Amino acid sequence: MHRFIFLAMLLAPPVFAQDQATDLRTAAGCGPTKTQFDVKVDKKQHSVARSESGKALVYVIEEYKSDPHFRTIGHVTTRAGLDGNWVGATHEGSYISFLVEPGAHRLCSDVQSMFASALKLSGAVQLNAEAGKTYYYRVAVVDERKQQTQLWVKAMDEPEGLLMVSKSGQSNWKVKK
């Protein structure tokens, strides 16, 4: 019996630590880690919508920067979360938009990947939404050979946000089953 209790105590901390990390990611705004998305980009679509009455509109625009001497294969997919739920996903050079209720929110973004090191690439910001306003956020993924890959989320003002949408394709995403 003592061996069982000792074994249970030995194995319990990693389980609790994993639950705490998940809880902290959710508190930062991210959705479930295991959720995966399929993403298609319409490079011809560059529309800016209007917010609905009583709500705010949020744009998340992914920008991928890499070392020009380093050839990458494939696309980086980032997921956007709001208050602990995923609201969409993008590939490099694309955007999503969604409506939010007025008030304080937490916006998170991370890289969707099968590699553990890439799963650590994430960023989060506080969003204080006001009804009728539009907010623009840049998710920058910087992949340079000389440095460790980084991801950050930064707010942009309206002129910069409109310019980024004009250069980006609209992301059409769905959850993988």
N, C-alpha and C. Protein backbone atom coordinates (compact mmCIF):
# COMPACT_ATOMS: atom_id res chain seq x y z
N MET A 1 0.82 -1.20 0.00
CA MET A 1 0.00 0.00 0.00
C MET A 1 0.87 1.26 0.00
N HIS A 2 1.95 1.23 0.80
CA HIS A 2 2.83 2.38 0.86
C HIS A 2 3.50 2.65 -0.49
N ARG A 3 3.83 1.57 -1.20
CA ARG A 3 4.43 1.73 -2.53
C ARG A 3 3.46 2.39 -3.49
N PHE A 4 2.18 2.03 -3.42
CA PHE A 4 1.17 2.63 -4.29
C PHE A 4 1.04 4.12 -4.00
N ILE A 5 1.00 4.50 -2.75
CA ILE A 5 0.89 5.92 -2.37
C ILE A 5 2.13 6.67 -2.84
N PHE A 6 3.33 6.07 -2.63
CA PHE A 6 4.56 6.70 -3.07
C PHE A 6 4.58 6.90 -4.59
N LEU A 7 4.17 5.86 -5.32
CA LEU A 7 4.11 5.93 -6.78
C LEU A 7 3.11 6.99 -7.24
N ALA A 8 1.97 7.05 -6.61
CA ALA A 8 0.96 8.05 -6.95
C ALA A 8 1.49 9.46 -6.70
N MET A 9 2.19 9.65 -5.61
CA MET A 9 2.75 10.98 -5.30
C MET A 9 3.86 11.35 -6.29
N LEU A 10 4.61 10.35 -6.70
CA LEU A 10 5.69 10.60 -7.65
C LEU A 10 5.17 10.99 -9.03
N LEU A 11 4.10 10.37 -9.47
CA LEU A 11 3.56 10.63 -10.80
C LEU A 11 2.58 11.80 -10.84
N ALA A 12 2.03 12.22 -9.74
CA ALA A 12 1.00 13.26 -9.72
C ALA A 12 1.52 14.65 -10.11
N PRO A 13 2.68 15.11 -9.66
CA PRO A 13 3.10 16.49 -10.00
C PRO A 13 3.14 16.80 -11.48
N PRO A 14 3.68 15.91 -12.37
CA PRO A 14 3.65 16.25 -13.79
C PRO A 14 2.23 16.41 -14.33
N VAL A 15 1.29 15.63 -13.85
CA VAL A 15 -0.10 15.75 -14.28
C VAL A 15 -0.67 17.08 -13.83
N PHE A 16 -0.43 17.45 -12.57
CA PHE A 16 -0.91 18.74 -12.08
C PHE A 16 -0.25 19.90 -12.82
N ALA A 17 1.05 19.78 -13.10
CA ALA A 17 1.76 20.83 -13.83
C ALA A 17 1.18 21.01 -15.22
N GLN A 18 0.83 19.90 -15.88
CA GLN A 18 0.24 19.99 -17.22
C GLN A 18 -1.11 20.69 -17.16
N ASP A 19 -1.93 20.36 -16.16
CA ASP A 19 -3.23 21.01 -16.02
C ASP A 19 -3.05 22.50 -15.72
N GLN A 20 -2.06 22.86 -14.92
CA GLN A 20 -1.81 24.26 -14.61
C GLN A 20 -1.36 25.01 -15.85
N ALA A 21 -0.51 24.41 -16.67
CA ALA A 21 -0.07 25.05 -17.91
C ALA A 21 -1.26 25.27 -18.84
N THR A 22 -2.13 24.28 -18.95
CA THR A 22 -3.33 24.41 -19.79
C THR A 22 -4.22 25.52 -19.25
N ASP A 23 -4.40 25.57 -17.95
CA ASP A 23 -5.23 26.62 -17.35
C ASP A 23 -4.63 28.00 -17.60
N LEU A 24 -3.32 28.12 -17.53
CA LEU A 24 -2.66 29.41 -17.78
C LEU A 24 -2.79 29.81 -19.25
N ARG A 25 -2.66 28.85 -20.18
CA ARG A 25 -2.84 29.16 -21.61
C ARG A 25 -4.27 29.63 -21.86
N THR A 26 -5.23 28.99 -21.24
CA THR A 26 -6.64 29.39 -21.39
C THR A 26 -6.83 30.79 -20.80
N ALA A 27 -6.24 31.05 -19.65
CA ALA A 27 -6.35 32.38 -19.02
C ALA A 27 -5.72 33.45 -19.91
N ALA A 28 -4.69 33.09 -20.69
CA ALA A 28 -4.05 34.03 -21.60
C ALA A 28 -4.88 34.27 -22.85
N GLY A 29 -5.91 33.43 -23.08
CA GLY A 29 -6.79 33.61 -24.23
C GLY A 29 -6.76 32.48 -25.23
N CYS A 30 -5.78 31.56 -25.13
CA CYS A 30 -5.64 30.46 -26.09
C CYS A 30 -6.73 29.40 -25.92
N GLY A 31 -7.01 28.71 -27.01
CA GLY A 31 -7.93 27.59 -26.97
C GLY A 31 -7.19 26.30 -26.69
N PRO A 32 -7.88 25.16 -26.81
CA PRO A 32 -7.27 23.86 -26.54
C PRO A 32 -6.09 23.57 -27.47
N THR A 33 -4.99 23.09 -26.92
CA THR A 33 -3.77 22.81 -27.66
C THR A 33 -3.99 21.79 -28.77
N LYS A 34 -4.85 20.82 -28.55
CA LYS A 34 -5.03 19.73 -29.52
C LYS A 34 -5.88 20.12 -30.73
N THR A 35 -6.57 21.24 -30.69
CA THR A 35 -7.39 21.66 -31.82
C THR A 35 -6.49 22.04 -33.00
N GLN A 36 -6.77 21.46 -34.15
CA GLN A 36 -5.99 21.71 -35.37
C GLN A 36 -6.91 22.27 -36.45
N PHE A 37 -6.36 23.10 -37.32
CA PHE A 37 -7.14 23.75 -38.37
C PHE A 37 -6.60 23.43 -39.75
N ASP A 38 -7.50 23.36 -40.73
CA ASP A 38 -7.16 23.39 -42.15
C ASP A 38 -7.39 24.82 -42.60
N VAL A 39 -6.44 25.38 -43.33
CA VAL A 39 -6.54 26.78 -43.74
C VAL A 39 -6.33 26.90 -45.24
N LYS A 40 -7.20 27.64 -45.89
CA LYS A 40 -7.05 28.02 -47.30
C LYS A 40 -7.08 29.54 -47.32
N VAL A 41 -6.30 30.13 -48.24
CA VAL A 41 -6.22 31.59 -48.31
C VAL A 41 -6.74 32.06 -49.66
N ASP A 42 -7.66 33.02 -49.63
CA ASP A 42 -8.15 33.66 -50.84
C ASP A 42 -7.34 34.94 -51.01
N LYS A 43 -6.32 34.90 -51.86
CA LYS A 43 -5.41 36.04 -52.03
C LYS A 43 -6.06 37.22 -52.73
N LYS A 44 -7.23 37.02 -53.33
CA LYS A 44 -7.92 38.10 -54.03
C LYS A 44 -8.87 38.86 -53.11
N GLN A 45 -9.15 38.32 -51.93
CA GLN A 45 -10.11 38.92 -51.01
C GLN A 45 -9.37 39.81 -50.01
N HIS A 46 -9.70 41.11 -50.02
CA HIS A 46 -9.07 42.08 -49.12
C HIS A 46 -10.13 43.02 -48.55
N SER A 47 -11.22 42.48 -48.07
CA SER A 47 -12.33 43.33 -47.65
C SER A 47 -12.23 43.71 -46.18
N VAL A 48 -12.73 44.90 -45.89
CA VAL A 48 -12.83 45.39 -44.52
C VAL A 48 -14.32 45.52 -44.22
N ALA A 49 -14.77 44.83 -43.20
CA ALA A 49 -16.18 44.84 -42.83
C ALA A 49 -16.47 45.95 -41.82
N ARG A 50 -17.70 46.14 -41.54
CA ARG A 50 -18.14 47.08 -40.49
C ARG A 50 -18.61 46.27 -39.29
N SER A 51 -18.42 46.82 -38.12
CA SER A 51 -18.87 46.10 -36.93
C SER A 51 -20.39 46.20 -36.82
N GLU A 52 -20.98 45.19 -36.20
CA GLU A 52 -22.42 45.19 -35.96
C GLU A 52 -22.72 46.13 -34.80
N SER A 53 -23.94 46.56 -34.72
CA SER A 53 -24.37 47.45 -33.65
C SER A 53 -24.10 46.81 -32.28
N GLY A 54 -23.43 47.54 -31.43
CA GLY A 54 -23.18 47.06 -30.08
C GLY A 54 -21.98 46.14 -29.94
N LYS A 55 -21.23 45.90 -31.03
CA LYS A 55 -20.07 45.01 -30.97
C LYS A 55 -18.84 45.70 -31.55
N ALA A 56 -17.68 45.11 -31.28
CA ALA A 56 -16.43 45.58 -31.87
C ALA A 56 -15.96 44.55 -32.89
N LEU A 57 -15.18 44.99 -33.85
CA LEU A 57 -14.64 44.12 -34.88
C LEU A 57 -13.13 44.01 -34.68
N VAL A 58 -12.62 42.78 -34.77
CA VAL A 58 -11.20 42.54 -34.57
C VAL A 58 -10.62 41.85 -35.80
N TYR A 59 -9.49 42.35 -36.27
CA TYR A 59 -8.73 41.73 -37.35
C TYR A 59 -7.43 41.19 -36.77
N VAL A 60 -7.09 39.97 -37.15
CA VAL A 60 -5.80 39.38 -36.80
C VAL A 60 -5.12 39.06 -38.12
N ILE A 61 -3.95 39.67 -38.33
CA ILE A 61 -3.24 39.55 -39.59
C ILE A 61 -1.88 38.89 -39.33
N GLU A 62 -1.63 37.78 -39.99
CA GLU A 62 -0.36 37.08 -39.80
C GLU A 62 0.66 37.58 -40.79
N GLU A 63 1.84 37.85 -40.28
CA GLU A 63 2.96 38.27 -41.11
C GLU A 63 4.12 37.32 -40.82
N TYR A 64 4.66 36.72 -41.86
CA TYR A 64 5.76 35.78 -41.71
C TYR A 64 7.01 36.41 -42.31
N LYS A 65 8.05 36.48 -41.50
CA LYS A 65 9.33 37.03 -41.96
C LYS A 65 10.39 35.96 -41.80
N SER A 66 11.14 35.71 -42.88
CA SER A 66 12.21 34.72 -42.78
C SER A 66 13.49 35.27 -43.40
N ASP A 67 14.56 34.63 -43.07
CA ASP A 67 15.86 34.97 -43.63
C ASP A 67 15.78 34.75 -45.14
N PRO A 68 16.05 35.76 -45.97
CA PRO A 68 15.94 35.60 -47.42
C PRO A 68 16.90 34.56 -48.00
N HIS A 69 17.94 34.21 -47.26
CA HIS A 69 18.90 33.21 -47.72
C HIS A 69 18.52 31.80 -47.29
N PHE A 70 17.41 31.70 -46.53
CA PHE A 70 16.98 30.42 -45.98
C PHE A 70 15.63 30.06 -46.59
N ARG A 71 15.57 29.01 -47.35
CA ARG A 71 14.34 28.60 -48.03
C ARG A 71 13.47 27.77 -47.09
N THR A 72 12.21 28.19 -46.94
CA THR A 72 11.28 27.45 -46.09
C THR A 72 10.37 26.59 -46.95
N ILE A 73 9.85 25.55 -46.35
CA ILE A 73 8.95 24.64 -47.05
C ILE A 73 7.60 24.70 -46.35
N GLY A 74 6.53 24.94 -47.10
CA GLY A 74 5.19 24.95 -46.52
C GLY A 74 4.81 26.31 -45.96
N HIS A 75 3.76 26.31 -45.19
CA HIS A 75 3.22 27.53 -44.60
C HIS A 75 3.17 27.40 -43.10
N VAL A 76 3.36 28.52 -42.43
CA VAL A 76 3.19 28.56 -40.99
C VAL A 76 1.71 28.82 -40.73
N THR A 77 1.09 28.00 -39.92
CA THR A 77 -0.30 28.20 -39.53
C THR A 77 -0.32 28.69 -38.10
N THR A 78 -0.99 29.83 -37.88
CA THR A 78 -1.17 30.31 -36.51
C THR A 78 -2.65 30.27 -36.17
N ARG A 79 -2.92 30.03 -34.89
CA ARG A 79 -4.29 30.00 -34.39
C ARG A 79 -4.51 31.25 -33.56
N ALA A 80 -5.71 31.81 -33.66
CA ALA A 80 -6.07 32.98 -32.86
C ALA A 80 -7.13 32.58 -31.85
N GLY A 81 -6.88 32.93 -30.61
CA GLY A 81 -7.83 32.61 -29.54
C GLY A 81 -8.31 33.86 -28.85
N LEU A 82 -9.52 33.78 -28.35
CA LEU A 82 -10.11 34.88 -27.59
C LEU A 82 -10.76 34.29 -26.35
N ASP A 83 -10.31 34.73 -25.19
CA ASP A 83 -10.90 34.32 -23.92
C ASP A 83 -10.99 32.80 -23.76
N GLY A 84 -9.97 32.09 -24.23
CA GLY A 84 -9.90 30.64 -24.02
C GLY A 84 -10.52 29.78 -25.10
N ASN A 85 -10.97 30.39 -26.20
CA ASN A 85 -11.54 29.64 -27.32
C ASN A 85 -10.90 30.10 -28.62
N TRP A 86 -10.62 29.15 -29.51
CA TRP A 86 -10.08 29.52 -30.81
C TRP A 86 -11.16 30.18 -31.64
N VAL A 87 -10.80 31.27 -32.33
CA VAL A 87 -11.74 31.99 -33.19
C VAL A 87 -11.35 31.90 -34.66
N GLY A 88 -10.22 31.23 -34.95
CA GLY A 88 -9.81 31.05 -36.34
C GLY A 88 -8.34 30.76 -36.46
N ALA A 89 -7.90 30.65 -37.72
CA ALA A 89 -6.50 30.34 -38.00
C ALA A 89 -6.10 31.02 -39.31
N THR A 90 -4.80 31.27 -39.43
CA THR A 90 -4.26 31.91 -40.63
C THR A 90 -3.02 31.18 -41.11
N HIS A 91 -2.69 31.40 -42.38
CA HIS A 91 -1.39 31.05 -42.95
C HIS A 91 -0.68 32.37 -43.14
N GLU A 92 0.62 32.28 -43.35
CA GLU A 92 1.40 33.49 -43.56
C GLU A 92 0.76 34.39 -44.62
N GLY A 93 0.73 35.67 -44.32
CA GLY A 93 0.18 36.62 -45.27
C GLY A 93 -1.32 36.60 -45.40
N SER A 94 -2.03 36.20 -44.35
CA SER A 94 -3.50 36.19 -44.42
C SER A 94 -4.08 36.77 -43.13
N TYR A 95 -5.39 36.99 -43.15
CA TYR A 95 -6.06 37.59 -42.00
C TYR A 95 -7.40 36.91 -41.73
N ILE A 96 -7.86 37.08 -40.50
CA ILE A 96 -9.22 36.71 -40.11
C ILE A 96 -9.83 37.92 -39.43
N SER A 97 -11.15 37.95 -39.35
CA SER A 97 -11.84 38.98 -38.59
C SER A 97 -13.00 38.33 -37.85
N PHE A 98 -13.36 38.93 -36.72
CA PHE A 98 -14.46 38.41 -35.92
C PHE A 98 -15.01 39.51 -35.02
N LEU A 99 -16.25 39.34 -34.60
CA LEU A 99 -16.92 40.30 -33.72
C LEU A 99 -16.73 39.91 -32.26
N VAL A 100 -16.64 40.92 -31.40
CA VAL A 100 -16.54 40.69 -29.96
C VAL A 100 -17.48 41.62 -29.22
N GLU A 101 -17.92 41.18 -28.08
CA GLU A 101 -18.72 42.02 -27.19
C GLU A 101 -17.81 43.09 -26.59
N PRO A 102 -18.36 44.26 -26.26
CA PRO A 102 -17.54 45.27 -25.59
C PRO A 102 -17.03 44.74 -24.25
N GLY A 103 -15.86 45.22 -23.84
CA GLY A 103 -15.29 44.81 -22.56
C GLY A 103 -13.88 44.30 -22.70
N ALA A 104 -13.37 43.78 -21.59
CA ALA A 104 -12.00 43.28 -21.53
C ALA A 104 -11.94 41.86 -22.06
N HIS A 105 -10.98 41.61 -22.94
CA HIS A 105 -10.77 40.30 -23.54
C HIS A 105 -9.27 40.00 -23.57
N ARG A 106 -8.96 38.73 -23.75
CA ARG A 106 -7.57 38.31 -23.92
C ARG A 106 -7.45 37.63 -25.28
N LEU A 107 -6.54 38.16 -26.09
CA LEU A 107 -6.30 37.66 -27.44
C LEU A 107 -4.96 36.93 -27.44
N CYS A 108 -4.97 35.71 -27.95
CA CYS A 108 -3.78 34.86 -27.97
C CYS A 108 -3.55 34.34 -29.37
N SER A 109 -2.30 34.09 -29.71
CA SER A 109 -1.98 33.44 -30.96
C SER A 109 -0.83 32.47 -30.72
N ASP A 110 -0.86 31.34 -31.42
CA ASP A 110 0.26 30.41 -31.35
C ASP A 110 0.41 29.68 -32.68
N VAL A 111 1.53 28.99 -32.81
CA VAL A 111 1.82 28.24 -34.02
C VAL A 111 1.24 26.84 -33.89
N GLN A 112 0.50 26.43 -34.91
CA GLN A 112 0.00 25.06 -34.97
C GLN A 112 1.09 24.21 -35.59
N SER A 113 1.55 23.21 -34.87
CA SER A 113 2.64 22.39 -35.37
C SER A 113 2.66 21.03 -34.69
N MET A 114 3.29 20.08 -35.35
CA MET A 114 3.49 18.77 -34.72
C MET A 114 4.81 18.73 -33.96
N PHE A 115 5.62 19.78 -34.06
CA PHE A 115 6.90 19.84 -33.38
C PHE A 115 6.77 20.57 -32.05
N ALA A 116 7.24 19.95 -30.98
CA ALA A 116 7.12 20.51 -29.63
C ALA A 116 7.76 21.89 -29.53
N SER A 117 8.90 22.11 -30.18
CA SER A 117 9.57 23.41 -30.09
C SER A 117 8.71 24.52 -30.69
N ALA A 118 7.99 24.23 -31.77
CA ALA A 118 7.13 25.23 -32.41
C ALA A 118 5.91 25.54 -31.56
N LEU A 119 5.45 24.57 -30.78
CA LEU A 119 4.27 24.79 -29.94
C LEU A 119 4.52 25.83 -28.87
N LYS A 120 5.78 26.13 -28.59
CA LYS A 120 6.12 27.14 -27.59
C LYS A 120 6.03 28.55 -28.16
N LEU A 121 5.86 28.68 -29.47
CA LEU A 121 5.77 29.99 -30.10
C LEU A 121 4.36 30.52 -29.92
N SER A 122 4.22 31.50 -29.03
CA SER A 122 2.90 32.06 -28.76
C SER A 122 3.04 33.47 -28.21
N GLY A 123 1.94 34.20 -28.28
CA GLY A 123 1.90 35.55 -27.74
C GLY A 123 0.49 35.90 -27.36
N ALA A 124 0.32 36.87 -26.47
CA ALA A 124 -1.01 37.26 -26.01
C ALA A 124 -1.03 38.75 -25.66
N VAL A 125 -2.19 39.35 -25.80
CA VAL A 125 -2.38 40.76 -25.45
C VAL A 125 -3.76 40.94 -24.80
N GLN A 126 -3.90 42.04 -24.10
CA GLN A 126 -5.17 42.44 -23.52
C GLN A 126 -5.90 43.31 -24.54
N LEU A 127 -7.18 43.07 -24.75
CA LEU A 127 -8.00 43.85 -25.67
C LEU A 127 -9.16 44.43 -24.89
N ASN A 128 -9.25 45.74 -24.84
CA ASN A 128 -10.38 46.42 -24.20
C ASN A 128 -11.27 46.97 -25.31
N ALA A 129 -12.25 46.18 -25.71
CA ALA A 129 -13.08 46.48 -26.87
C ALA A 129 -14.20 47.46 -26.53
N GLU A 130 -14.42 48.40 -27.44
CA GLU A 130 -15.54 49.34 -27.34
C GLU A 130 -16.47 49.11 -28.52
N ALA A 131 -17.76 49.17 -28.26
CA ALA A 131 -18.76 48.94 -29.31
C ALA A 131 -18.53 49.90 -30.47
N GLY A 132 -18.63 49.38 -31.70
CA GLY A 132 -18.50 50.18 -32.90
C GLY A 132 -17.07 50.41 -33.37
N LYS A 133 -16.08 50.01 -32.59
CA LYS A 133 -14.69 50.23 -32.99
C LYS A 133 -14.11 49.00 -33.68
N THR A 134 -13.06 49.23 -34.48
CA THR A 134 -12.35 48.16 -35.15
C THR A 134 -10.92 48.13 -34.64
N TYR A 135 -10.43 46.92 -34.36
CA TYR A 135 -9.10 46.72 -33.82
C TYR A 135 -8.30 45.83 -34.77
N TYR A 136 -7.02 46.16 -34.93
CA TYR A 136 -6.14 45.42 -35.81
C TYR A 136 -4.94 44.91 -35.01
N TYR A 137 -4.65 43.60 -35.17
CA TYR A 137 -3.51 43.00 -34.49
C TYR A 137 -2.64 42.26 -35.49
N ARG A 138 -1.35 42.48 -35.37
CA ARG A 138 -0.36 41.79 -36.20
C ARG A 138 0.21 40.62 -35.40
N VAL A 139 0.17 39.44 -36.00
CA VAL A 139 0.85 38.27 -35.44
C VAL A 139 2.09 38.09 -36.31
N ALA A 140 3.24 38.39 -35.76
CA ALA A 140 4.49 38.30 -36.51
C ALA A 140 5.22 37.03 -36.12
N VAL A 141 5.54 36.25 -37.12
CA VAL A 141 6.37 35.06 -36.94
C VAL A 141 7.68 35.38 -37.64
N VAL A 142 8.75 35.45 -36.86
CA VAL A 142 10.07 35.80 -37.39
C VAL A 142 10.96 34.57 -37.32
N ASP A 143 11.35 34.09 -38.48
CA ASP A 143 12.14 32.87 -38.59
C ASP A 143 13.45 33.19 -39.28
N GLU A 144 14.47 33.47 -38.48
CA GLU A 144 15.79 33.79 -39.02
C GLU A 144 16.78 32.73 -38.58
N ARG A 145 17.61 32.34 -39.49
CA ARG A 145 18.54 31.24 -39.23
C ARG A 145 19.49 31.54 -38.06
N LYS A 146 19.87 32.79 -37.88
CA LYS A 146 20.85 33.14 -36.85
C LYS A 146 20.25 33.26 -35.46
N GLN A 147 18.92 33.36 -35.38
CA GLN A 147 18.26 33.52 -34.09
C GLN A 147 17.15 32.49 -33.95
N GLN A 148 16.69 32.36 -32.73
CA GLN A 148 15.57 31.45 -32.47
C GLN A 148 14.29 32.06 -33.06
N THR A 149 13.43 31.23 -33.64
CA THR A 149 12.17 31.71 -34.19
C THR A 149 11.34 32.34 -33.08
N GLN A 150 10.66 33.43 -33.42
CA GLN A 150 9.86 34.17 -32.44
C GLN A 150 8.46 34.43 -32.99
N LEU A 151 7.52 34.63 -32.08
CA LEU A 151 6.17 35.03 -32.44
C LEU A 151 5.74 36.11 -31.45
N TRP A 152 5.11 37.16 -31.95
CA TRP A 152 4.54 38.16 -31.04
C TRP A 152 3.26 38.71 -31.63
N VAL A 153 2.42 39.25 -30.75
CA VAL A 153 1.14 39.85 -31.11
C VAL A 153 1.21 41.32 -30.72
N LYS A 154 0.94 42.21 -31.69
CA LYS A 154 1.00 43.65 -31.43
C LYS A 154 -0.20 44.35 -32.05
N ALA A 155 -0.72 45.32 -31.33
CA ALA A 155 -1.81 46.15 -31.85
C ALA A 155 -1.26 47.10 -32.90
N MET A 156 -2.08 47.39 -33.91
CA MET A 156 -1.73 48.36 -34.95
C MET A 156 -2.79 49.45 -34.97
N ASP A 157 -2.43 50.64 -35.42
CA ASP A 157 -3.43 51.67 -35.61
C ASP A 157 -4.19 51.39 -36.91
N GLU A 158 -5.29 52.10 -37.13
CA GLU A 158 -6.15 51.82 -38.28
C GLU A 158 -5.44 51.94 -39.63
N PRO A 159 -4.67 53.01 -39.89
CA PRO A 159 -4.01 53.09 -41.20
C PRO A 159 -3.09 51.90 -41.48
N GLU A 160 -2.31 51.50 -40.49
CA GLU A 160 -1.42 50.36 -40.69
C GLU A 160 -2.22 49.07 -40.85
N GLY A 161 -3.30 48.91 -40.09
CA GLY A 161 -4.15 47.74 -40.20
C GLY A 161 -4.79 47.63 -41.57
N LEU A 162 -5.30 48.74 -42.09
CA LEU A 162 -5.90 48.74 -43.43
C LEU A 162 -4.87 48.38 -44.49
N LEU A 163 -3.66 48.91 -44.34
CA LEU A 163 -2.59 48.60 -45.29
C LEU A 163 -2.24 47.11 -45.24
N MET A 164 -2.17 46.54 -44.04
CA MET A 164 -1.85 45.11 -43.90
C MET A 164 -2.95 44.24 -44.51
N VAL A 165 -4.23 44.61 -44.32
CA VAL A 165 -5.33 43.85 -44.91
C VAL A 165 -5.25 43.93 -46.43
N SER A 166 -4.88 45.11 -46.97
CA SER A 166 -4.79 45.26 -48.43
C SER A 166 -3.72 44.36 -49.04
N LYS A 167 -2.70 44.01 -48.27
CA LYS A 167 -1.61 43.17 -48.76
C LYS A 167 -1.79 41.70 -48.41
N SER A 168 -2.83 41.37 -47.66
CA SER A 168 -3.02 40.01 -47.15
C SER A 168 -4.25 39.37 -47.77
N GLY A 169 -4.25 38.06 -47.86
CA GLY A 169 -5.42 37.33 -48.33
C GLY A 169 -6.32 36.95 -47.17
N GLN A 170 -7.59 36.73 -47.46
CA GLN A 170 -8.53 36.34 -46.42
C GLN A 170 -8.38 34.85 -46.12
N SER A 171 -8.29 34.52 -44.86
CA SER A 171 -8.14 33.15 -44.43
C SER A 171 -9.52 32.49 -44.30
N ASN A 172 -9.65 31.32 -44.90
CA ASN A 172 -10.85 30.50 -44.75
C ASN A 172 -10.40 29.24 -44.02
N TRP A 173 -10.91 29.02 -42.84
CA TRP A 173 -10.41 27.94 -42.00
C TRP A 173 -11.55 27.05 -41.51
N LYS A 174 -11.18 25.84 -41.17
CA LYS A 174 -12.13 24.93 -40.53
C LYS A 174 -11.33 24.02 -39.61
N VAL A 175 -12.00 23.54 -38.58
CA VAL A 175 -11.37 22.65 -37.61
C VAL A 175 -11.20 21.29 -38.27
N LYS A 176 -9.99 20.70 -38.11
CA LYS A 176 -9.74 19.36 -38.62
C LYS A 176 -10.52 18.36 -37.77
N LYS A 177 -11.00 17.33 -38.40
CA LYS A 177 -11.73 16.31 -37.65
C LYS A 177 -10.91 15.08 -37.48
